[in-house]
PDB file of N, CA and C in Angstrom:
ATOM      1  N   UNK A   1      -6.102  25.349 -10.636  1.00  0.00           N
ATOM      2  CA  UNK A   1      -5.743  25.604  -9.014  1.00  0.00           C
ATOM      3  C   UNK A   1      -6.652  24.559  -8.409  1.00  0.00           C
ATOM      4  N   UNK A   2      -7.599  23.981  -8.905  1.00  0.00           N
ATOM      5  CA  UNK A   2      -8.476  23.015  -8.137  1.00  0.00           C
ATOM      6  C   UNK A   2      -7.602  21.840  -7.769  1.00  0.00           C
ATOM      7  N   UNK A   3      -6.852  21.392  -8.817  1.00  0.00           N
ATOM      8  CA  UNK A   3      -5.825  20.273  -8.997  1.00  0.00           C
ATOM      9  C   UNK A   3      -5.010  20.343  -7.967  1.00  0.00           C
ATOM     10  N   UNK A   4      -4.338  21.477  -7.802  1.00  0.00           N
ATOM     11  CA  UNK A   4      -3.407  21.943  -6.789  1.00  0.00           C
ATOM     12  C   UNK A   4      -3.978  21.632  -5.318  1.00  0.00           C
ATOM     13  N   UNK A   5      -5.145  22.316  -5.205  1.00  0.00           N
ATOM     14  CA  UNK A   5      -5.589  22.207  -3.913  1.00  0.00           C
ATOM     15  C   UNK A   5      -6.103  20.689  -3.613  1.00  0.00           C
ATOM     16  N   UNK A   6      -6.346  20.124  -4.424  1.00  0.00           N
ATOM     17  CA  UNK A   6      -6.719  18.559  -4.308  1.00  0.00           C
ATOM     18  C   UNK A   6      -5.428  17.922  -3.831  1.00  0.00           C
ATOM     19  N   UNK A   7      -4.314  18.377  -4.614  1.00  0.00           N
ATOM     20  CA  UNK A   7      -2.951  17.566  -4.320  1.00  0.00           C
ATOM     21  C   UNK A   7      -2.488  17.685  -2.935  1.00  0.00           C
ATOM     22  N   UNK A   8      -2.764  19.105  -2.418  1.00  0.00           N
ATOM     23  CA  UNK A   8      -2.388  19.483  -0.957  1.00  0.00           C
ATOM     24  C   UNK A   8      -3.312  18.799  -0.154  1.00  0.00           C
ATOM     25  N   UNK A   9      -4.727  18.547  -0.415  1.00  0.00           N
ATOM     26  CA  UNK A   9      -5.393  17.850   0.619  1.00  0.00           C
ATOM     27  C   UNK A   9      -4.897  16.347   0.548  1.00  0.00           C
ATOM     28  N   UNK A  10      -4.486  15.815  -0.551  1.00  0.00           N
ATOM     29  CA  UNK A  10      -4.250  14.617  -0.536  1.00  0.00           C
ATOM     30  C   UNK A  10      -2.946  14.216   0.359  1.00  0.00           C
ATOM     31  N   UNK A  11      -1.941  15.176   0.334  1.00  0.00           N
ATOM     32  CA  UNK A  11      -0.642  14.936   1.079  1.00  0.00           C
ATOM     33  C   UNK A  11      -0.940  15.279   2.584  1.00  0.00           C
ATOM     34  N   UNK A  12      -2.005  16.285   2.918  1.00  0.00           N
ATOM     35  CA  UNK A  12      -2.318  16.358   4.138  1.00  0.00           C
ATOM     36  C   UNK A  12      -3.179  15.364   4.722  1.00  0.00           C
ATOM     37  N   UNK A  13      -4.043  14.590   4.001  1.00  0.00           N
ATOM     38  CA  UNK A  13      -4.871  13.622   4.349  1.00  0.00           C
ATOM     39  C   UNK A  13      -4.283  12.149   4.733  1.00  0.00           C
ATOM     40  N   UNK A  14      -3.530  11.787   3.643  1.00  0.00           N
ATOM     41  CA  UNK A  14      -2.541  10.646   3.741  1.00  0.00           C
ATOM     42  C   UNK A  14      -1.450  10.447   4.392  1.00  0.00           C
ATOM     43  N   UNK A  15      -0.810  11.613   4.620  1.00  0.00           N
ATOM     44  CA  UNK A  15       0.541  11.864   5.323  1.00  0.00           C
ATOM     45  C   UNK A  15       1.611  11.392   4.320  1.00  0.00           C
ATOM     46  N   UNK A  16       1.531  11.203   2.925  1.00  0.00           N
ATOM     47  CA  UNK A  16       2.464  10.833   2.105  1.00  0.00           C
ATOM     48  C   UNK A  16       3.551  11.699   1.925  1.00  0.00           C
ATOM     49  N   UNK A  17       4.849  11.575   1.342  1.00  0.00           N
ATOM     50  CA  UNK A  17       5.565  12.768   1.103  1.00  0.00           C
ATOM     51  C   UNK A  17       5.590  13.061  -0.088  1.00  0.00           C
ATOM     52  N   UNK A  18       6.150  14.545  -0.268  1.00  0.00           N
ATOM     53  CA  UNK A  18       5.719  15.219  -1.515  1.00  0.00           C
ATOM     54  C   UNK A  18       6.276  14.321  -2.698  1.00  0.00           C
ATOM     55  N   UNK A  19       7.351  13.829  -2.624  1.00  0.00           N
ATOM     56  CA  UNK A  19       7.847  12.999  -3.736  1.00  0.00           C
ATOM     57  C   UNK A  19       7.041  11.905  -4.155  1.00  0.00           C
ATOM     58  N   UNK A  20       6.156  11.338  -3.068  1.00  0.00           N
ATOM     59  CA  UNK A  20       5.128  10.293  -3.533  1.00  0.00           C
ATOM     60  C   UNK A  20       3.875  10.587  -3.970  1.00  0.00           C
ATOM     61  N   UNK A  21       3.813  12.182  -4.321  1.00  0.00           N
ATOM     62  CA  UNK A  21       2.435  12.420  -4.590  1.00  0.00           C
ATOM     63  C   UNK A  21       2.050  11.741  -6.234  1.00  0.00           C
ATOM     64  N   UNK A  22       0.897  11.259  -6.278  1.00  0.00           N
ATOM     65  CA  UNK A  22       0.643  10.357  -7.604  1.00  0.00           C
ATOM     66  C   UNK A  22       0.739  11.267  -8.819  1.00  0.00           C
ATOM     67  N   UNK A  23       0.914  10.845  -9.963  1.00  0.00           N
ATOM     68  CA  UNK A  23       1.144  11.390 -11.059  1.00  0.00           C
ATOM     69  C   UNK A  23       0.014  12.130 -11.632  1.00  0.00           C
ATOM     70  N   UNK A  24      -1.181  11.762 -11.095  1.00  0.00           N
ATOM     71  CA  UNK A  24      -2.743  12.240 -11.400  1.00  0.00           C
ATOM     72  C   UNK A  24      -2.540  13.709 -11.116  1.00  0.00           C
ATOM     73  N   UNK A  25      -1.893  14.134 -10.311  1.00  0.00           N
ATOM     74  CA  UNK A  25      -1.813  15.526  -9.745  1.00  0.00           C
ATOM     75  C   UNK A  25      -0.620  16.256 -10.563  1.00  0.00           C
ATOM     76  N   UNK A  26      -0.815  17.486 -10.461  1.00  0.00           N
ATOM     77  CA  UNK A  26       0.396  18.509 -10.934  1.00  0.00           C
ATOM     78  C   UNK A  26       1.781  18.092 -10.296  1.00  0.00           C
ATOM     79  N   UNK A  27       2.759  18.661 -11.003  1.00  0.00           N
ATOM     80  CA  UNK A  27       4.058  18.477 -10.647  1.00  0.00           C
ATOM     81  C   UNK A  27       4.257  18.846  -8.985  1.00  0.00           C
ATOM     82  N   UNK A  28       4.936  17.887  -8.492  1.00  0.00           N
ATOM     83  CA  UNK A  28       5.069  17.996  -6.972  1.00  0.00           C
ATOM     84  C   UNK A  28       5.725  19.295  -6.589  1.00  0.00           C
ATOM     85  N   UNK A  29       6.535  20.012  -7.266  1.00  0.00           N
ATOM     86  CA  UNK A  29       7.161  21.364  -7.052  1.00  0.00           C
ATOM     87  C   UNK A  29       6.300  22.459  -7.303  1.00  0.00           C
ATOM     88  N   UNK A  30       5.341  22.238  -8.089  1.00  0.00           N
ATOM     89  CA  UNK A  30       4.266  23.062  -8.261  1.00  0.00           C
ATOM     90  C   UNK A  30       3.389  23.305  -6.867  1.00  0.00           C
ATOM     91  N   UNK A  31       2.983  21.954  -6.674  1.00  0.00           N
ATOM     92  CA  UNK A  31       2.199  21.985  -5.482  1.00  0.00           C
ATOM     93  C   UNK A  31       2.628  22.426  -4.242  1.00  0.00           C
ATOM     94  N   UNK A  32       3.957  21.964  -3.995  1.00  0.00           N
ATOM     95  CA  UNK A  32       4.572  22.189  -2.676  1.00  0.00           C
ATOM     96  C   UNK A  32       4.816  23.832  -2.766  1.00  0.00           C
ATOM     97  N   UNK A  33       5.154  24.625  -3.759  1.00  0.00           N
ATOM     98  CA  UNK A  33       5.191  25.889  -3.917  1.00  0.00           C
ATOM     99  C   UNK A  33       3.938  26.452  -3.421  1.00  0.00           C
ATOM    100  N   UNK A  34       2.738  26.465  -4.010  1.00  0.00           N
ATOM    101  CA  UNK A  34       1.526  26.799  -3.578  1.00  0.00           C
ATOM    102  C   UNK A  34       1.184  26.570  -2.031  1.00  0.00           C
ATOM    103  N   UNK A  35       1.557  25.324  -1.543  1.00  0.00           N
ATOM    104  CA  UNK A  35       1.201  24.892  -0.285  1.00  0.00           C
ATOM    105  C   UNK A  35       2.185  25.736   0.740  1.00  0.00           C
ATOM    106  N   UNK A  36       3.306  25.949   0.361  1.00  0.00           N
ATOM    107  CA  UNK A  36       4.183  26.936   1.176  1.00  0.00           C
ATOM    108  C   UNK A  36       3.781  28.410   1.234  1.00  0.00           C
ATOM    109  N   UNK A  37       3.346  28.664   0.107  1.00  0.00           N
ATOM    110  CA  UNK A  37       2.784  30.104   0.010  1.00  0.00           C
ATOM    111  C   UNK A  37       1.428  30.358   0.725  1.00  0.00           C
ATOM    112  N   UNK A  38       0.634  29.366   0.594  1.00  0.00           N
ATOM    113  CA  UNK A  38      -0.552  29.452   1.269  1.00  0.00           C
ATOM    114  C   UNK A  38      -0.349  29.332   2.798  1.00  0.00           C
ATOM    115  N   UNK A  39       0.624  28.595   3.147  1.00  0.00           N
ATOM    116  CA  UNK A  39       0.810  28.258   4.667  1.00  0.00           C
ATOM    117  C   UNK A  39       1.370  29.692   5.236  1.00  0.00           C
ATOM    118  N   UNK A  40       2.425  30.214   4.533  1.00  0.00           N
ATOM    119  CA  UNK A  40       3.193  31.330   5.063  1.00  0.00           C
ATOM    120  C   UNK A  40       2.153  32.276   5.196  1.00  0.00           C
ATOM    121  N   UNK A  41       1.272  32.621   4.399  1.00  0.00           N
ATOM    122  CA  UNK A  41       0.530  33.852   4.414  1.00  0.00           C
ATOM    123  C   UNK A  41      -0.932  33.703   5.087  1.00  0.00           C
ATOM    124  N   UNK A  42      -1.040  32.390   5.635  1.00  0.00           N
ATOM    125  CA  UNK A  42      -2.323  32.079   6.394  1.00  0.00           C
ATOM    126  C   UNK A  42      -3.648  31.806   5.495  1.00  0.00           C
ATOM    127  N   UNK A  43      -3.414  31.660   4.289  1.00  0.00           N
ATOM    128  CA  UNK A  43      -4.728  31.350   3.472  1.00  0.00           C
ATOM    129  C   UNK A  43      -5.123  30.038   3.839  1.00  0.00           C
ATOM    130  N   UNK A  44      -4.510  28.941   4.149  1.00  0.00           N
ATOM    131  CA  UNK A  44      -5.015  27.603   4.460  1.00  0.00           C
ATOM    132  C   UNK A  44      -5.814  27.832   5.778  1.00  0.00           C
ATOM    133  N   UNK A  45      -5.455  28.637   6.831  1.00  0.00           N
ATOM    134  CA  UNK A  45      -6.191  28.717   8.103  1.00  0.00           C
ATOM    135  C   UNK A  45      -7.428  29.688   7.721  1.00  0.00           C
ATOM    136  N   UNK A  46      -7.454  30.682   6.838  1.00  0.00           N
ATOM    137  CA  UNK A  46      -8.611  31.509   6.611  1.00  0.00           C
ATOM    138  C   UNK A  46      -9.474  30.594   5.752  1.00  0.00           C
ATOM    139  N   UNK A  47      -9.280  29.617   4.935  1.00  0.00           N
ATOM    140  CA  UNK A  47      -9.996  28.661   4.435  1.00  0.00           C
ATOM    141  C   UNK A  47     -10.831  27.937   5.300  1.00  0.00           C
ATOM    142  N   UNK A  48     -10.007  27.342   6.292  1.00  0.00           N
ATOM    143  CA  UNK A  48     -10.376  26.468   7.034  1.00  0.00           C
ATOM    144  C   UNK A  48     -11.562  27.114   8.074  1.00  0.00           C
ATOM    145  N   UNK A  49     -11.132  28.171   8.633  1.00  0.00           N
ATOM    146  CA  UNK A  49     -12.120  28.815   9.272  1.00  0.00           C
ATOM    147  C   UNK A  49     -13.497  29.369   8.462  1.00  0.00           C
ATOM    148  N   UNK A  50     -13.265  29.776   7.180  1.00  0.00           N
ATOM    149  CA  UNK A  50     -14.613  29.978   6.504  1.00  0.00           C
ATOM    150  C   UNK A  50     -15.456  28.731   6.282  1.00  0.00           C
ATOM    151  N   UNK A  51     -14.780  27.620   6.045  1.00  0.00           N
ATOM    152  CA  UNK A  51     -15.670  26.349   5.883  1.00  0.00           C
ATOM    153  C   UNK A  51     -16.107  26.016   7.224  1.00  0.00           C
ATOM    154  N   UNK A  52     -15.414  26.215   8.163  1.00  0.00           N
ATOM    155  CA  UNK A  52     -16.037  25.812   9.603  1.00  0.00           C
ATOM    156  C   UNK A  52     -17.085  26.642   9.974  1.00  0.00           C
ATOM    157  N   UNK A  53     -17.148  27.872   9.779  1.00  0.00           N
ATOM    158  CA  UNK A  53     -18.381  28.693  10.000  1.00  0.00           C
ATOM    159  C   UNK A  53     -19.489  28.396   9.009  1.00  0.00           C
ATOM    160  N   UNK A  54     -19.237  28.182   7.915  1.00  0.00           N
ATOM    161  CA  UNK A  54     -20.378  27.953   7.078  1.00  0.00           C
ATOM    162  C   UNK A  54     -20.810  26.491   7.344  1.00  0.00           C
ATOM    163  N   UNK A  55     -20.064  25.445   7.483  1.00  0.00           N
ATOM    164  CA  UNK A  55     -20.685  24.108   7.899  1.00  0.00           C
ATOM    165  C   UNK A  55     -21.514  24.284   9.265  1.00  0.00           C
ATOM    166  N   UNK A  56     -21.051  25.077  10.173  1.00  0.00           N
ATOM    167  CA  UNK A  56     -21.694  25.185  11.653  1.00  0.00           C
ATOM    168  C   UNK A  56     -23.137  26.066  11.171  1.00  0.00           C
ATOM    169  N   UNK A  57     -23.080  26.928  10.330  1.00  0.00           N
ATOM    170  CA  UNK A  57     -24.423  27.563  10.341  1.00  0.00           C
ATOM    171  C   UNK A  57     -25.295  26.735   9.263  1.00  0.00           C
ATOM    172  N   UNK A  58     -24.830  26.010   8.445  1.00  0.00           N
ATOM    173  CA  UNK A  58     -25.621  25.071   7.581  1.00  0.00           C
ATOM    174  C   UNK A  58     -26.261  24.070   8.675  1.00  0.00           C
ATOM    175  N   UNK A  59     -25.809  23.652   9.677  1.00  0.00           N
ATOM    176  CA  UNK A  59     -26.350  22.639  10.602  1.00  0.00           C
ATOM    177  C   UNK A  59     -27.218  23.476  11.725  1.00  0.00           C
ATOM    178  N   UNK A  60     -27.236  24.814  11.687  1.00  0.00           N
ATOM    179  CA  UNK A  60     -28.232  25.498  12.279  1.00  0.00           C
ATOM    180  C   UNK A  60     -27.596  25.744  13.757  1.00  0.00           C
ATOM    181  N   UNK A  61     -26.274  25.981  13.723  1.00  0.00           N
ATOM    182  CA  UNK A  61     -25.778  26.330  15.090  1.00  0.00           C
ATOM    183  C   UNK A  61     -24.977  27.671  15.045  1.00  0.00           C
ATOM    184  N   UNK A  62     -24.665  28.312  15.919  1.00  0.00           N
ATOM    185  CA  UNK A  62     -23.882  29.526  15.841  1.00  0.00           C
ATOM    186  C   UNK A  62     -22.516  29.198  15.241  1.00  0.00           C
ATOM    187  N   UNK A  63     -21.908  30.370  14.729  1.00  0.00           N
ATOM    188  CA  UNK A  63     -20.663  30.300  13.924  1.00  0.00           C
ATOM    189  C   UNK A  63     -19.605  29.750  14.837  1.00  0.00           C
ATOM    190  N   UNK A  64     -19.441  30.421  15.990  1.00  0.00           N
ATOM    191  CA  UNK A  64     -18.565  29.977  16.907  1.00  0.00           C
ATOM    192  C   UNK A  64     -19.112  29.210  18.263  1.00  0.00           C
ATOM    193  N   UNK A  65     -18.472  28.255  18.673  1.00  0.00           N
ATOM    194  CA  UNK A  65     -18.975  27.305  19.733  1.00  0.00           C
ATOM    195  C   UNK A  65     -18.980  28.102  21.128  1.00  0.00           C
ATOM    196  N   UNK A  66     -20.104  28.001  21.678  1.00  0.00           N
ATOM    197  CA  UNK A  66     -20.451  28.867  22.906  1.00  0.00           C
ATOM    198  C   UNK A  66     -19.890  27.990  24.212  1.00  0.00           C
ATOM    199  N   UNK A  67     -19.742  26.741  24.074  1.00  0.00           N
ATOM    200  CA  UNK A  67     -19.537  25.860  25.055  1.00  0.00           C
ATOM    201  C   UNK A  67     -18.771  24.757  24.771  1.00  0.00           C
ATOM    202  N   UNK A  68     -18.126  24.137  25.872  1.00  0.00           N
ATOM    203  CA  UNK A  68     -17.143  22.789  25.606  1.00  0.00           C
ATOM    204  C   UNK A  68     -17.627  21.779  26.513  1.00  0.00           C
ATOM    205  N   UNK A  69     -17.338  20.724  26.187  1.00  0.00           N
ATOM    206  CA  UNK A  69     -17.713  19.535  26.888  1.00  0.00           C
ATOM    207  C   UNK A  69     -16.493  18.564  27.235  1.00  0.00           C
ATOM    208  N   UNK A  70     -16.194  18.694  28.488  1.00  0.00           N
ATOM    209  CA  UNK A  70     -15.184  17.817  28.950  1.00  0.00           C
ATOM    210  C   UNK A  70     -15.469  16.570  29.768  1.00  0.00           C
ATOM    211  N   UNK A  71     -15.004  15.549  29.376  1.00  0.00           N
ATOM    212  CA  UNK A  71     -15.382  14.289  30.300  1.00  0.00           C
ATOM    213  C   UNK A  71     -14.237  13.922  31.077  1.00  0.00           C
ATOM    214  N   UNK A  72     -14.738  12.962  32.122  1.00  0.00           N
ATOM    215  CA  UNK A  72     -13.698  12.606  33.029  1.00  0.00           C
ATOM    216  C   UNK A  72     -12.411  11.914  32.230  1.00  0.00           C
ATOM    217  N   UNK A  73     -12.569  11.334  31.335  1.00  0.00           N
ATOM    218  CA  UNK A  73     -11.620  10.657  30.817  1.00  0.00           C
ATOM    219  C   UNK A  73     -10.787  11.412  30.252  1.00  0.00           C
ATOM    220  N   UNK A  74     -11.116  12.433  29.521  1.00  0.00           N
ATOM    221  CA  UNK A  74     -10.093  13.579  29.018  1.00  0.00           C
ATOM    222  C   UNK A  74      -9.298  14.283  30.194  1.00  0.00           C
ATOM    223  N   UNK A  75     -10.065  14.469  31.281  1.00  0.00           N
ATOM    224  CA  UNK A  75      -9.252  14.972  32.368  1.00  0.00           C
ATOM    225  C   UNK A  75      -8.216  14.017  32.804  1.00  0.00           C
ATOM    226  N   UNK A  76      -8.550  12.695  33.146  1.00  0.00           N
ATOM    227  CA  UNK A  76      -7.657  11.866  33.431  1.00  0.00           C
ATOM    228  C   UNK A  76      -6.429  11.867  32.479  1.00  0.00           C
ATOM    229  N   UNK A  77      -6.611  11.636  31.305  1.00  0.00           N
ATOM    230  CA  UNK A  77      -5.597  11.559  30.400  1.00  0.00           C
ATOM    231  C   UNK A  77      -4.735  12.922  30.522  1.00  0.00           C
ATOM    232  N   UNK A  78      -5.193  14.061  30.562  1.00  0.00           N
ATOM    233  CA  UNK A  78      -4.389  15.015  30.823  1.00  0.00           C
ATOM    234  C   UNK A  78      -3.555  15.205  32.004  1.00  0.00           C
ATOM    235  N   UNK A  79      -4.221  14.608  33.034  1.00  0.00           N
ATOM    236  CA  UNK A  79      -3.350  14.455  34.478  1.00  0.00           C
ATOM    237  C   UNK A  79      -2.217  13.718  34.343  1.00  0.00           C
ATOM    238  N   UNK A  80      -2.390  12.735  33.553  1.00  0.00           N
ATOM    239  CA  UNK A  80      -1.289  11.494  33.509  1.00  0.00           C
ATOM    240  C   UNK A  80      -0.185  12.074  32.867  1.00  0.00           C
ATOM    241  N   UNK A  81      -0.610  12.825  31.493  1.00  0.00           N
ATOM    242  CA  UNK A  81       0.444  13.124  30.756  1.00  0.00           C
ATOM    243  C   UNK A  81       0.529  12.267  29.540  1.00  0.00           C
ATOM    244  N   UNK A  82       1.077  12.806  28.464  1.00  0.00           N
ATOM    245  CA  UNK A  82       1.004  11.849  27.178  1.00  0.00           C
ATOM    246  C   UNK A  82       2.237  10.828  27.297  1.00  0.00           C
ATOM    247  N   UNK A  83       3.395  11.091  27.833  1.00  0.00           N
ATOM    248  CA  UNK A  83       4.444  10.076  27.677  1.00  0.00           C
ATOM    249  C   UNK A  83       4.176   8.988  28.527  1.00  0.00           C
ATOM    250  N   UNK A  84       3.283   8.980  29.555  1.00  0.00           N
ATOM    251  CA  UNK A  84       2.992   7.773  30.478  1.00  0.00           C
ATOM    252  C   UNK A  84       2.470   6.479  29.597  1.00  0.00           C
ATOM    253  N   UNK A  85       1.653   6.960  28.657  1.00  0.00           N
ATOM    254  CA  UNK A  85       0.941   5.895  27.840  1.00  0.00           C
ATOM    255  C   UNK A  85       1.662   5.101  26.771  1.00  0.00           C
ATOM    256  N   UNK A  86       3.082   5.674  26.670  1.00  0.00           N
ATOM    257  CA  UNK A  86       3.814   5.033  25.594  1.00  0.00           C
ATOM    258  C   UNK A  86       5.184   4.544  26.314  1.00  0.00           C
ATOM    259  N   UNK A  87       5.145   3.177  26.482  1.00  0.00           N
ATOM    260  CA  UNK A  87       6.185   2.589  27.175  1.00  0.00           C
ATOM    261  C   UNK A  87       7.581   2.599  26.633  1.00  0.00           C
ATOM    262  N   UNK A  88       7.636   2.789  25.153  1.00  0.00           N
ATOM    263  CA  UNK A  88       8.843   2.596  24.667  1.00  0.00           C
ATOM    264  C   UNK A  88       9.791   4.257  24.724  1.00  0.00           C
ATOM    265  N   UNK A  89       9.076   5.210  25.189  1.00  0.00           N
ATOM    266  CA  UNK A  89       9.523   6.591  25.342  1.00  0.00           C
ATOM    267  C   UNK A  89      10.106   6.534  26.862  1.00  0.00           C
ATOM    268  N   UNK A  90       9.801   5.684  27.766  1.00  0.00           N
ATOM    269  CA  UNK A  90      10.206   5.749  28.923  1.00  0.00           C
ATOM    270  C   UNK A  90      11.321   4.518  29.336  1.00  0.00           C
ATOM    271  N   UNK A  91      11.608   3.624  28.504  1.00  0.00           N
ATOM    272  CA  UNK A  91      12.444   2.562  28.604  1.00  0.00           C
ATOM    273  C   UNK A  91      13.834   2.943  28.047  1.00  0.00           C
ATOM    274  N   UNK A  92      15.013   2.704  28.828  1.00  0.00           N
ATOM    275  CA  UNK A  92      16.248   3.018  28.341  1.00  0.00           C
ATOM    276  C   UNK A  92      16.837   2.006  27.241  1.00  0.00           C
ATOM    277  N   UNK A  93      17.733   2.557  26.422  1.00  0.00           N
ATOM    278  CA  UNK A  93      18.235   1.955  25.252  1.00  0.00           C
ATOM    279  C   UNK A  93      19.128   0.878  25.930  1.00  0.00           C
ATOM    280  N   UNK A  94      19.071  -0.273  25.558  1.00  0.00           N
ATOM    281  CA  UNK A  94      20.030  -1.407  25.810  1.00  0.00           C
ATOM    282  C   UNK A  94      21.301  -1.432  25.169  1.00  0.00           C
ATOM    283  N   UNK A  95      22.131  -1.656  25.878  1.00  0.00           N
ATOM    284  CA  UNK A  95      23.600  -1.872  25.176  1.00  0.00           C
ATOM    285  C   UNK A  95      23.764  -3.176  24.484  1.00  0.00           C
ATOM    286  N   UNK A  96      24.392  -3.259  23.519  1.00  0.00           N
ATOM    287  CA  UNK A  96      24.642  -4.492  22.987  1.00  0.00           C
ATOM    288  C   UNK A  96      25.654  -5.185  23.610  1.00  0.00           C
ATOM    289  N   UNK A  97      25.671  -6.714  23.598  1.00  0.00           N
ATOM    290  CA  UNK A  97      26.569  -7.458  24.236  1.00  0.00           C
ATOM    291  C   UNK A  97      28.038  -7.286  23.807  1.00  0.00           C
ATOM    292  N   UNK A  98      28.084  -6.940  22.714  1.00  0.00           N
ATOM    293  CA  UNK A  98      29.265  -6.692  22.211  1.00  0.00           C
ATOM    294  C   UNK A  98      30.035  -5.751  22.742  1.00  0.00           C
ATOM    295  N   UNK A  99      29.242  -4.675  23.138  1.00  0.00           N
ATOM    296  CA  UNK A  99      29.996  -3.399  23.591  1.00  0.00           C
ATOM    297  C   UNK A  99      30.218  -3.533  25.110  1.00  0.00           C
ATOM    298  N   UNK A 100      29.493  -4.498  25.686  1.00  0.00           N
ATOM    299  CA  UNK A 100      29.534  -4.391  27.347  1.00  0.00           C
ATOM    300  C   UNK A 100      30.864  -5.569  27.696  1.00  0.00           C
ATOM    301  N   UNK A 101      31.460  -6.248  26.523  1.00  0.00           N
ATOM    302  CA  UNK A 101      32.374  -7.323  26.726  1.00  0.00           C
ATOM    303  C   UNK A 101      33.709  -6.633  27.151  1.00  0.00           C
ATOM    304  N   UNK A 102      34.498  -7.030  28.033  1.00  0.00           N
ATOM    305  CA  UNK A 102      35.762  -6.384  28.590  1.00  0.00           C
ATOM    306  C   UNK A 102      36.867  -6.911  27.643  1.00  0.00           C
ATOM    307  N   UNK A 103      37.564  -5.994  27.353  1.00  0.00           N
ATOM    308  CA  UNK A 103      39.024  -6.523  26.569  1.00  0.00           C
ATOM    309  C   UNK A 103      40.077  -6.841  27.565  1.00  0.00           C
ATOM    310  N   UNK A 104      40.610  -7.793  26.936  1.00  0.00           N
ATOM    311  CA  UNK A 104      41.922  -8.199  27.924  1.00  0.00           C
ATOM    312  C   UNK A 104      43.297  -7.668  27.039  1.00  0.00           C
ATOM    313  N   UNK A 105      44.005  -7.232  27.570  1.00  0.00           N
ATOM    314  CA  UNK A 105      45.233  -6.830  27.080  1.00  0.00           C
ATOM    315  C   UNK A 105      46.487  -7.601  27.584  1.00  0.00           C
ATOM    316  N   UNK A 106      47.079  -8.131  26.610  1.00  0.00           N
ATOM    317  CA  UNK A 106      48.339  -9.009  26.934  1.00  0.00           C
ATOM    318  C   UNK A 106      49.582  -8.267  26.626  1.00  0.00           C
ATOM    319  N   UNK A 107      50.663  -8.148  27.762  1.00  0.00           N
ATOM    320  CA  UNK A 107      51.608  -7.647  27.362  1.00  0.00           C
ATOM    321  C   UNK A 107      52.687  -8.498  27.199  1.00  0.00           C
TER     322      UNK A 107
END
């Protein structure tokens, strides 16, 4: 089970595809089946929450944060929207020169 969890963490951390899982881990079908079950039943969320609480308490803080800090840069970024920072998302697709050429019909 430890190796299955390590394999799931590897895929989530690196962003690799399941079929590119290194051979050091259990078979990808086994790892994916466990990942799917754990995701569907909320086990990964419960593990994350439990570890978060344990880490906060180990640091001498309360289990749940009681305040949040928002700086002016975060507010400015939110007001502008995410798409404005990506110029490719707002540009129109260009037609190829071949498709814009006119055809001559000869009768």
